[in-house]
Amino acid sequence: MSWQQLLTIARQNEEWDRYWRAQQPRACPNDGTPLTASASEGTLRCPHDGWEYPRDWDPDTMAGM
């Protein structure tokens, strides 16, 4: 494997990281339950434990779920 290939892999990894950080979560990070949308509040909420996006969202630890 050449240095150029390794550089390409590193750049692709950065692109994927930016992509996943920009996405909203699809499931609760605590139990995996799909989040439900609240139209009146404009939030996503877990029906089981009350986890809420964006209030409880931390992209440094939760991005890519």
C-alpha atoms as a PDB file:
ATOM      1  CA  MET A   1       0.000   0.000   0.000  1.00  0.00           C
ATOM      2  CA  SER A   2       1.399   3.384  -0.982  1.00  0.00           C
ATOM      3  CA  TRP A   3       1.407   6.638   0.999  1.00  0.00           C
ATOM      4  CA  GLN A   4      -1.019   8.099  -1.523  1.00  0.00           C
ATOM      5  CA  GLN A   5      -3.506   5.298  -0.835  1.00  0.00           C
ATOM      6  CA  LEU A   6      -3.190   5.872   2.908  1.00  0.00           C
ATOM      7  CA  LEU A   7      -3.771   9.596   2.398  1.00  0.00           C
ATOM      8  CA  THR A   8      -6.890   8.839   0.350  1.00  0.00           C
ATOM      9  CA  ILE A   9      -8.222   6.563   3.094  1.00  0.00           C
ATOM     10  CA  ALA A  10      -7.612   9.272   5.712  1.00  0.00           C
ATOM     11  CA  ARG A  11      -9.461  11.852   3.590  1.00  0.00           C
ATOM     12  CA  GLN A  12     -12.401   9.496   3.044  1.00  0.00           C
ATOM     13  CA  ASN A  13     -12.563   8.922   6.791  1.00  0.00           C
ATOM     14  CA  GLU A  14     -12.751  12.686   7.401  1.00  0.00           C
ATOM     15  CA  GLU A  15     -15.564  12.999   4.832  1.00  0.00           C
ATOM     16  CA  TRP A  16     -17.570  10.206   6.495  1.00  0.00           C
ATOM     17  CA  ASP A  17     -17.030  11.785   9.902  1.00  0.00           C
ATOM     18  CA  ARG A  18     -18.362  15.150   8.670  1.00  0.00           C
ATOM     19  CA  TYR A  19     -21.337  13.416   7.026  1.00  0.00           C
ATOM     20  CA  TRP A  20     -22.367  11.470  10.133  1.00  0.00           C
ATOM     21  CA  ARG A  21     -21.907  14.470  12.433  1.00  0.00           C
ATOM     22  CA  ALA A  22     -24.358  16.431  10.256  1.00  0.00           C
ATOM     23  CA  GLN A  23     -27.070  13.744  10.474  1.00  0.00           C
ATOM     24  CA  GLN A  24     -29.822  13.669  13.076  1.00  0.00           C
ATOM     25  CA  PRO A  25     -29.983  10.529  15.209  1.00  0.00           C
ATOM     26  CA  ARG A  26     -32.371   7.812  14.085  1.00  0.00           C
ATOM     27  CA  ALA A  27     -32.558   5.834  17.310  1.00  0.00           C
ATOM     28  CA  CYS A  28     -32.168   6.380  21.032  1.00  0.00           C
ATOM     29  CA  PRO A  29     -28.528   5.873  22.067  1.00  0.00           C
ATOM     30  CA  ASN A  30     -29.638   4.280  25.352  1.00  0.00           C
ATOM     31  CA  ASP A  31     -31.949   1.530  24.099  1.00  0.00           C
ATOM     32  CA  GLY A  32     -32.041   1.657  20.273  1.00  0.00           C
ATOM     33  CA  THR A  33     -35.727   2.559  20.078  1.00  0.00           C
ATOM     34  CA  PRO A  34     -36.654   4.641  17.006  1.00  0.00           C
ATOM     35  CA  LEU A  35     -37.159   8.281  17.955  1.00  0.00           C
ATOM     36  CA  THR A  36     -40.581   9.880  17.533  1.00  0.00           C
ATOM     37  CA  ALA A  37     -41.010  13.394  16.183  1.00  0.00           C
ATOM     38  CA  SER A  38     -42.801  16.058  18.153  1.00  0.00           C
ATOM     39  CA  ALA A  39     -44.257  18.516  15.640  1.00  0.00           C
ATOM     40  CA  SER A  40     -45.199  21.094  18.256  1.00  0.00           C
ATOM     41  CA  GLU A  41     -41.718  21.202  19.825  1.00  0.00           C
ATOM     42  CA  GLY A  42     -39.625  20.359  16.763  1.00  0.00           C
ATOM     43  CA  THR A  43     -37.689  17.657  18.615  1.00  0.00           C
ATOM     44  CA  LEU A  44     -37.073  13.917  18.386  1.00  0.00           C
ATOM     45  CA  ARG A  45     -37.822  11.980  21.555  1.00  0.00           C
ATOM     46  CA  CYS A  46     -37.408   8.434  22.878  1.00  0.00           C
ATOM     47  CA  PRO A  47     -40.783   7.149  24.113  1.00  0.00           C
ATOM     48  CA  HIS A  48     -39.169   4.939  26.783  1.00  0.00           C
ATOM     49  CA  ASP A  49     -36.606   7.010  28.664  1.00  0.00           C
ATOM     50  CA  GLY A  50     -37.242  10.605  27.590  1.00  0.00           C
ATOM     51  CA  TRP A  51     -33.958  11.089  25.716  1.00  0.00           C
ATOM     52  CA  GLU A  52     -34.425  14.079  23.412  1.00  0.00           C
ATOM     53  CA  TYR A  53     -32.695  15.516  20.351  1.00  0.00           C
ATOM     54  CA  PRO A  54     -31.189  18.149  20.307  1.00  0.00           C
ATOM     55  CA  ARG A  55     -31.214  18.639  24.097  1.00  0.00           C
ATOM     56  CA  ASP A  56     -29.249  15.476  24.937  1.00  0.00           C
ATOM     57  CA  TRP A  57     -27.279  15.174  21.694  1.00  0.00           C
ATOM     58  CA  ASP A  58     -23.469  15.154  21.808  1.00  0.00           C
ATOM     59  CA  PRO A  59     -22.000  14.691  18.301  1.00  0.00           C
ATOM     60  CA  ASP A  60     -18.527  13.921  19.692  1.00  0.00           C
ATOM     61  CA  THR A  61     -19.750  10.706  21.297  1.00  0.00           C
ATOM     62  CA  MET A  62     -23.000   9.920  19.489  1.00  0.00           C
ATOM     63  CA  ALA A  63     -22.477  10.784  15.810  1.00  0.00           C
ATOM     64  CA  GLY A  64     -23.030   7.918  13.379  1.00  0.00           C
ATOM     65  CA  MET A  65     -25.822   6.137  15.206  1.00  0.00           C
END
